[in-house]
PDB file of N, CA and C in Angstrom:
ATOM      1  N   UNK A   1     -10.638 -17.591   2.283  1.00  0.00           N
ATOM      2  CA  UNK A   1     -10.527 -16.349   3.595  1.00  0.00           C
ATOM      3  C   UNK A   1     -11.890 -15.136   3.231  1.00  0.00           C
ATOM      4  N   UNK A   2     -12.736 -14.992   4.233  1.00  0.00           N
ATOM      5  CA  UNK A   2     -13.568 -14.231   4.152  1.00  0.00           C
ATOM      6  C   UNK A   2     -13.270 -12.976   4.085  1.00  0.00           C
ATOM      7  N   UNK A   3     -14.173 -12.408   3.275  1.00  0.00           N
ATOM      8  CA  UNK A   3     -13.850 -10.955   2.769  1.00  0.00           C
ATOM      9  C   UNK A   3     -13.228  -9.578   3.753  1.00  0.00           C
ATOM     10  N   UNK A   4     -14.091 -10.027   5.298  1.00  0.00           N
ATOM     11  CA  UNK A   4     -13.260  -8.991   6.177  1.00  0.00           C
ATOM     12  C   UNK A   4     -11.788  -9.664   6.786  1.00  0.00           C
ATOM     13  N   UNK A   5     -11.592 -11.044   6.252  1.00  0.00           N
ATOM     14  CA  UNK A   5     -10.034 -11.508   6.954  1.00  0.00           C
ATOM     15  C   UNK A   5      -9.278 -11.148   5.865  1.00  0.00           C
ATOM     16  N   UNK A   6      -9.906 -10.455   4.708  1.00  0.00           N
ATOM     17  CA  UNK A   6      -8.766 -10.339   3.615  1.00  0.00           C
ATOM     18  C   UNK A   6      -8.625  -8.562   3.565  1.00  0.00           C
ATOM     19  N   UNK A   7      -9.593  -7.647   4.003  1.00  0.00           N
ATOM     20  CA  UNK A   7      -9.808  -6.451   4.396  1.00  0.00           C
ATOM     21  C   UNK A   7      -8.842  -6.092   5.195  1.00  0.00           C
ATOM     22  N   UNK A   8      -8.823  -6.905   6.200  1.00  0.00           N
ATOM     23  CA  UNK A   8      -7.794  -6.913   7.668  1.00  0.00           C
ATOM     24  C   UNK A   8      -6.387  -7.121   7.031  1.00  0.00           C
ATOM     25  N   UNK A   9      -5.896  -8.264   6.664  1.00  0.00           N
ATOM     26  CA  UNK A   9      -5.083  -8.371   6.141  1.00  0.00           C
ATOM     27  C   UNK A   9      -4.215  -7.288   4.958  1.00  0.00           C
ATOM     28  N   UNK A  10      -4.962  -7.305   4.165  1.00  0.00           N
ATOM     29  CA  UNK A  10      -4.287  -5.856   3.368  1.00  0.00           C
ATOM     30  C   UNK A  10      -4.173  -4.687   4.310  1.00  0.00           C
ATOM     31  N   UNK A  11      -4.943  -4.016   5.034  1.00  0.00           N
ATOM     32  CA  UNK A  11      -4.796  -3.174   5.585  1.00  0.00           C
ATOM     33  C   UNK A  11      -3.469  -3.429   7.021  1.00  0.00           C
ATOM     34  N   UNK A  12      -3.433  -4.076   7.271  1.00  0.00           N
ATOM     35  CA  UNK A  12      -2.458  -4.736   8.107  1.00  0.00           C
ATOM     36  C   UNK A  12      -1.010  -4.461   7.393  1.00  0.00           C
ATOM     37  N   UNK A  13      -1.223  -4.934   5.933  1.00  0.00           N
ATOM     38  CA  UNK A  13       0.039  -4.932   5.168  1.00  0.00           C
ATOM     39  C   UNK A  13       0.162  -3.172   4.779  1.00  0.00           C
ATOM     40  N   UNK A  14      -0.980  -2.459   5.149  1.00  0.00           N
ATOM     41  CA  UNK A  14      -0.690  -0.740   4.131  1.00  0.00           C
ATOM     42  C   UNK A  14       0.048  -0.839   6.101  1.00  0.00           C
ATOM     43  N   UNK A  15      -0.337  -0.948   6.709  1.00  0.00           N
ATOM     44  CA  UNK A  15       0.123  -0.154   7.827  1.00  0.00           C
ATOM     45  C   UNK A  15       1.767  -0.645   8.127  1.00  0.00           C
ATOM     46  N   UNK A  16       1.983  -1.672   7.781  1.00  0.00           N
ATOM     47  CA  UNK A  16       3.484  -2.415   7.716  1.00  0.00           C
ATOM     48  C   UNK A  16       4.260  -1.473   6.895  1.00  0.00           C
ATOM     49  N   UNK A  17       3.932  -1.138   5.464  1.00  0.00           N
ATOM     50  CA  UNK A  17       4.168  -0.763   4.484  1.00  0.00           C
ATOM     51  C   UNK A  17       4.303   1.227   4.788  1.00  0.00           C
ATOM     52  N   UNK A  18       3.375   1.399   5.441  1.00  0.00           N
ATOM     53  CA  UNK A  18       3.519   2.707   6.127  1.00  0.00           C
ATOM     54  C   UNK A  18       4.638   2.817   6.540  1.00  0.00           C
ATOM     55  N   UNK A  19       5.105   2.030   7.762  1.00  0.00           N
ATOM     56  CA  UNK A  19       6.005   2.055   8.430  1.00  0.00           C
ATOM     57  C   UNK A  19       7.380   1.950   7.589  1.00  0.00           C
ATOM     58  N   UNK A  20       7.381   0.810   6.692  1.00  0.00           N
ATOM     59  CA  UNK A  20       8.935   0.672   5.715  1.00  0.00           C
ATOM     60  C   UNK A  20       9.257   2.441   5.111  1.00  0.00           C
ATOM     61  N   UNK A  21       8.039   2.835   4.819  1.00  0.00           N
ATOM     62  CA  UNK A  21       7.896   4.214   3.902  1.00  0.00           C
ATOM     63  C   UNK A  21       8.488   5.505   5.379  1.00  0.00           C
ATOM     64  N   UNK A  22       8.356   5.297   5.969  1.00  0.00           N
ATOM     65  CA  UNK A  22       8.981   6.619   7.244  1.00  0.00           C
ATOM     66  C   UNK A  22      10.029   6.081   7.578  1.00  0.00           C
ATOM     67  N   UNK A  23      10.726   5.041   7.673  1.00  0.00           N
ATOM     68  CA  UNK A  23      12.121   4.074   8.241  1.00  0.00           C
ATOM     69  C   UNK A  23      12.834   4.458   6.831  1.00  0.00           C
ATOM     70  N   UNK A  24      12.791   4.015   5.495  1.00  0.00           N
ATOM     71  CA  UNK A  24      12.946   4.330   4.502  1.00  0.00           C
ATOM     72  C   UNK A  24      13.548   5.464   3.982  1.00  0.00           C
ATOM     73  N   UNK A  25      12.449   6.459   4.072  1.00  0.00           N
ATOM     74  CA  UNK A  25      13.098   7.602   3.519  1.00  0.00           C
ATOM     75  C   UNK A  25      13.384   8.803   4.039  1.00  0.00           C
ATOM     76  N   UNK A  26      14.255   9.340   3.887  1.00  0.00           N
ATOM     77  CA  UNK A  26      14.663  10.415   4.874  1.00  0.00           C
ATOM     78  C   UNK A  26      14.239  11.843   4.449  1.00  0.00           C
ATOM     79  N   UNK A  27      14.089  11.996   3.002  1.00  0.00           N
ATOM     80  CA  UNK A  27      13.757  13.810   2.088  1.00  0.00           C
ATOM     81  C   UNK A  27      12.585  13.508   2.047  1.00  0.00           C
ATOM     82  N   UNK A  28      11.576  14.549   2.738  1.00  0.00           N
ATOM     83  CA  UNK A  28      10.266  14.565   2.741  1.00  0.00           C
ATOM     84  C   UNK A  28      10.045  14.951   1.014  1.00  0.00           C
ATOM     85  N   UNK A  29      10.688  15.521   0.811  1.00  0.00           N
ATOM     86  CA  UNK A  29      10.266  16.437  -0.644  1.00  0.00           C
ATOM     87  C   UNK A  29      10.736  15.551  -2.037  1.00  0.00           C
ATOM     88  N   UNK A  30      11.147  14.050  -1.198  1.00  0.00           N
ATOM     89  CA  UNK A  30      11.819  13.228  -2.549  1.00  0.00           C
ATOM     90  C   UNK A  30      10.832  12.611  -3.488  1.00  0.00           C
ATOM     91  N   UNK A  31      10.949  12.676  -4.843  1.00  0.00           N
ATOM     92  CA  UNK A  31       9.627  12.537  -5.524  1.00  0.00           C
ATOM     93  C   UNK A  31       9.141  10.713  -5.012  1.00  0.00           C
ATOM     94  N   UNK A  32      10.296   9.915  -5.235  1.00  0.00           N
ATOM     95  CA  UNK A  32       9.537   8.575  -4.520  1.00  0.00           C
ATOM     96  C   UNK A  32       8.713   8.809  -2.973  1.00  0.00           C
ATOM     97  N   UNK A  33       9.041   9.525  -2.325  1.00  0.00           N
ATOM     98  CA  UNK A  33       8.206   9.542  -1.436  1.00  0.00           C
ATOM     99  C   UNK A  33       7.043   9.952  -1.968  1.00  0.00           C
ATOM    100  N   UNK A  34       7.012  11.044  -2.740  1.00  0.00           N
ATOM    101  CA  UNK A  34       5.449  11.605  -2.952  1.00  0.00           C
ATOM    102  C   UNK A  34       4.533   9.877  -3.798  1.00  0.00           C
ATOM    103  N   UNK A  35       5.564   9.411  -4.749  1.00  0.00           N
ATOM    104  CA  UNK A  35       4.607   7.969  -5.255  1.00  0.00           C
ATOM    105  C   UNK A  35       4.072   7.249  -4.273  1.00  0.00           C
ATOM    106  N   UNK A  36       5.156   7.109  -3.383  1.00  0.00           N
ATOM    107  CA  UNK A  36       4.841   6.261  -2.155  1.00  0.00           C
ATOM    108  C   UNK A  36       3.336   6.097  -1.403  1.00  0.00           C
ATOM    109  N   UNK A  37       3.592   7.835  -1.062  1.00  0.00           N
ATOM    110  CA  UNK A  37       2.115   8.117  -0.449  1.00  0.00           C
ATOM    111  C   UNK A  37       1.488   8.276  -1.162  1.00  0.00           C
ATOM    112  N   UNK A  38       1.212   8.408  -2.633  1.00  0.00           N
ATOM    113  CA  UNK A  38       0.343   8.445  -3.200  1.00  0.00           C
ATOM    114  C   UNK A  38      -0.579   6.761  -3.735  1.00  0.00           C
ATOM    115  N   UNK A  39       0.411   5.630  -4.058  1.00  0.00           N
ATOM    116  CA  UNK A  39       0.434   4.433  -3.729  1.00  0.00           C
ATOM    117  C   UNK A  39      -0.400   3.799  -2.885  1.00  0.00           C
ATOM    118  N   UNK A  40      -0.003   4.401  -1.442  1.00  0.00           N
ATOM    119  CA  UNK A  40      -0.494   4.353   0.234  1.00  0.00           C
ATOM    120  C   UNK A  40      -1.989   4.496  -0.089  1.00  0.00           C
ATOM    121  N   UNK A  41      -2.548   5.756  -0.659  1.00  0.00           N
ATOM    122  CA  UNK A  41      -3.809   6.328  -0.438  1.00  0.00           C
ATOM    123  C   UNK A  41      -4.262   6.227  -1.194  1.00  0.00           C
ATOM    124  N   UNK A  42      -3.892   5.584  -2.495  1.00  0.00           N
ATOM    125  CA  UNK A  42      -5.147   4.681  -3.434  1.00  0.00           C
ATOM    126  C   UNK A  42      -5.793   3.202  -3.237  1.00  0.00           C
ATOM    127  N   UNK A  43      -4.335   3.040  -2.367  1.00  0.00           N
ATOM    128  CA  UNK A  43      -5.007   1.369  -1.338  1.00  0.00           C
ATOM    129  C   UNK A  43      -5.465   1.816  -0.570  1.00  0.00           C
ATOM    130  N   UNK A  44      -5.379   3.132   0.392  1.00  0.00           N
ATOM    131  CA  UNK A  44      -6.255   2.579   1.429  1.00  0.00           C
ATOM    132  C   UNK A  44      -7.937   3.402   0.923  1.00  0.00           C
ATOM    133  N   UNK A  45      -8.140   4.152  -0.231  1.00  0.00           N
ATOM    134  CA  UNK A  45      -9.015   4.387  -0.565  1.00  0.00           C
ATOM    135  C   UNK A  45     -10.217   3.113  -1.946  1.00  0.00           C
ATOM    136  N   UNK A  46      -9.219   2.610  -1.719  1.00  0.00           N
ATOM    137  CA  UNK A  46      -9.746   1.192  -2.780  1.00  0.00           C
ATOM    138  C   UNK A  46     -10.158   0.181  -1.475  1.00  0.00           C
ATOM    139  N   UNK A  47      -9.907   0.369  -0.045  1.00  0.00           N
ATOM    140  CA  UNK A  47      -9.981  -0.875   0.670  1.00  0.00           C
ATOM    141  C   UNK A  47     -11.282  -0.033   1.672  1.00  0.00           C
ATOM    142  N   UNK A  48     -11.867   1.369   1.324  1.00  0.00           N
ATOM    143  CA  UNK A  48     -12.684   2.129   1.777  1.00  0.00           C
ATOM    144  C   UNK A  48     -14.106   1.868   1.515  1.00  0.00           C
ATOM    145  N   UNK A  49     -14.210   0.947   0.451  1.00  0.00           N
ATOM    146  CA  UNK A  49     -15.402   0.576  -0.078  1.00  0.00           C
ATOM    147  C   UNK A  49     -16.384  -0.985   0.665  1.00  0.00           C
ATOM    148  N   UNK A  50     -17.765  -0.629   0.130  1.00  0.00           N
ATOM    149  CA  UNK A  50     -18.429  -1.505   1.060  1.00  0.00           C
ATOM    150  C   UNK A  50     -17.796  -3.251   0.549  1.00  0.00           C
ATOM    151  N   UNK A  51     -17.699  -2.980  -0.991  1.00  0.00           N
ATOM    152  CA  UNK A  51     -16.823  -4.640  -1.231  1.00  0.00           C
ATOM    153  C   UNK A  51     -15.752  -4.627  -1.490  1.00  0.00           C
ATOM    154  N   UNK A  52     -15.618  -5.710  -1.343  1.00  0.00           N
ATOM    155  CA  UNK A  52     -14.041  -6.622  -1.409  1.00  0.00           C
ATOM    156  C   UNK A  52     -14.051  -7.757  -2.245  1.00  0.00           C
ATOM    157  N   UNK A  53     -14.366  -7.331  -3.184  1.00  0.00           N
ATOM    158  CA  UNK A  53     -13.825  -8.541  -4.417  1.00  0.00           C
ATOM    159  C   UNK A  53     -12.846  -8.585  -5.328  1.00  0.00           C
ATOM    160  N   UNK A  54     -12.879  -9.691  -5.751  1.00  0.00           N
ATOM    161  CA  UNK A  54     -11.461 -10.026  -6.576  1.00  0.00           C
ATOM    162  C   UNK A  54     -10.679  -8.963  -7.074  1.00  0.00           C
ATOM    163  N   UNK A  55     -10.994  -8.070  -7.656  1.00  0.00           N
ATOM    164  CA  UNK A  55     -10.742  -6.760  -8.667  1.00  0.00           C
ATOM    165  C   UNK A  55      -9.977  -5.962  -7.616  1.00  0.00           C
ATOM    166  N   UNK A  56     -10.594  -5.620  -6.438  1.00  0.00           N
ATOM    167  CA  UNK A  56     -10.479  -5.153  -5.460  1.00  0.00           C
ATOM    168  C   UNK A  56      -9.048  -5.397  -4.665  1.00  0.00           C
ATOM    169  N   UNK A  57      -9.004  -6.616  -4.632  1.00  0.00           N
ATOM    170  CA  UNK A  57      -8.163  -7.594  -4.132  1.00  0.00           C
ATOM    171  C   UNK A  57      -6.695  -7.086  -4.885  1.00  0.00           C
ATOM    172  N   UNK A  58      -6.651  -7.499  -6.031  1.00  0.00           N
ATOM    173  CA  UNK A  58      -6.165  -7.662  -7.039  1.00  0.00           C
ATOM    174  C   UNK A  58      -5.384  -6.085  -7.143  1.00  0.00           C
ATOM    175  N   UNK A  59      -6.157  -5.058  -7.108  1.00  0.00           N
ATOM    176  CA  UNK A  59      -5.670  -3.656  -6.914  1.00  0.00           C
ATOM    177  C   UNK A  59      -4.512  -3.461  -5.679  1.00  0.00           C
ATOM    178  N   UNK A  60      -5.173  -3.855  -4.790  1.00  0.00           N
ATOM    179  CA  UNK A  60      -4.355  -3.903  -3.801  1.00  0.00           C
ATOM    180  C   UNK A  60      -2.801  -4.405  -3.714  1.00  0.00           C
ATOM    181  N   UNK A  61      -3.150  -5.809  -4.151  1.00  0.00           N
ATOM    182  CA  UNK A  61      -1.502  -6.565  -4.811  1.00  0.00           C
ATOM    183  C   UNK A  61      -1.233  -5.769  -5.261  1.00  0.00           C
ATOM    184  N   UNK A  62      -1.573  -5.174  -6.228  1.00  0.00           N
ATOM    185  CA  UNK A  62      -0.141  -4.566  -7.469  1.00  0.00           C
ATOM    186  C   UNK A  62      -0.055  -2.919  -6.419  1.00  0.00           C
ATOM    187  N   UNK A  63      -0.919  -2.594  -6.099  1.00  0.00           N
ATOM    188  CA  UNK A  63      -0.345  -1.397  -4.889  1.00  0.00           C
ATOM    189  C   UNK A  63       0.885  -1.877  -4.112  1.00  0.00           C
ATOM    190  N   UNK A  64       0.768  -2.873  -3.354  1.00  0.00           N
ATOM    191  CA  UNK A  64       1.661  -3.269  -2.782  1.00  0.00           C
ATOM    192  C   UNK A  64       2.766  -3.614  -3.697  1.00  0.00           C
ATOM    193  N   UNK A  65       2.412  -4.569  -4.793  1.00  0.00           N
ATOM    194  CA  UNK A  65       4.255  -4.679  -4.994  1.00  0.00           C
ATOM    195  C   UNK A  65       4.857  -3.636  -5.981  1.00  0.00           C
ATOM    196  N   UNK A  66       4.110  -2.341  -6.377  1.00  0.00           N
ATOM    197  CA  UNK A  66       4.591  -1.206  -6.498  1.00  0.00           C
ATOM    198  C   UNK A  66       5.376  -0.598  -5.666  1.00  0.00           C
ATOM    199  N   UNK A  67       4.595  -0.554  -3.945  1.00  0.00           N
ATOM    200  CA  UNK A  67       5.599   0.292  -3.522  1.00  0.00           C
ATOM    201  C   UNK A  67       6.720  -0.834  -2.655  1.00  0.00           C
ATOM    202  N   UNK A  68       6.284  -1.944  -2.758  1.00  0.00           N
ATOM    203  CA  UNK A  68       8.042  -2.719  -2.734  1.00  0.00           C
ATOM    204  C   UNK A  68       8.936  -2.556  -3.403  1.00  0.00           C
ATOM    205  N   UNK A  69       8.535  -2.226  -4.878  1.00  0.00           N
ATOM    206  CA  UNK A  69       9.706  -2.222  -5.812  1.00  0.00           C
ATOM    207  C   UNK A  69      10.440  -0.535  -5.799  1.00  0.00           C
ATOM    208  N   UNK A  70       9.218  -0.092  -5.173  1.00  0.00           N
ATOM    209  CA  UNK A  70       9.680   1.627  -5.349  1.00  0.00           C
ATOM    210  C   UNK A  70      11.063   1.352  -3.916  1.00  0.00           C
ATOM    211  N   UNK A  71      10.737   0.649  -2.815  1.00  0.00           N
ATOM    212  CA  UNK A  71      11.155   0.679  -1.748  1.00  0.00           C
ATOM    213  C   UNK A  71      12.366  -0.153  -2.134  1.00  0.00           C
ATOM    214  N   UNK A  72      12.303  -1.123  -2.679  1.00  0.00           N
ATOM    215  CA  UNK A  72      13.625  -2.065  -3.117  1.00  0.00           C
ATOM    216  C   UNK A  72      14.574  -1.040  -3.885  1.00  0.00           C
ATOM    217  N   UNK A  73      14.263  -0.617  -4.548  1.00  0.00           N
ATOM    218  CA  UNK A  73      15.001   0.327  -5.908  1.00  0.00           C
ATOM    219  C   UNK A  73      15.951   1.378  -5.000  1.00  0.00           C
ATOM    220  N   UNK A  74      15.140   1.882  -3.752  1.00  0.00           N
ATOM    221  CA  UNK A  74      16.038   2.913  -3.133  1.00  0.00           C
ATOM    222  C   UNK A  74      16.809   2.441  -2.069  1.00  0.00           C
ATOM    223  N   UNK A  75      16.815   1.412  -1.755  1.00  0.00           N
ATOM    224  CA  UNK A  75      18.005   0.857  -0.951  1.00  0.00           C
ATOM    225  C   UNK A  75      19.017   0.578  -1.422  1.00  0.00           C
TER     226      UNK A  75
END
């Protein structure tokens, strides 16, 4: 998979996760909500650089996994 394709795929996943956060979380001041937002911002900032290497991809996957786990534990 090309670097740009990988980046687009991860950005698409971030969009889906952002929608899940909005649907799942009702209380804006919840600690879980803050953790999810921080994880999402970390994920987006890691994708903002010019390089998209294996390390960046692994970080993105780790952030996505964390977000999914938090959402799963909340439901």
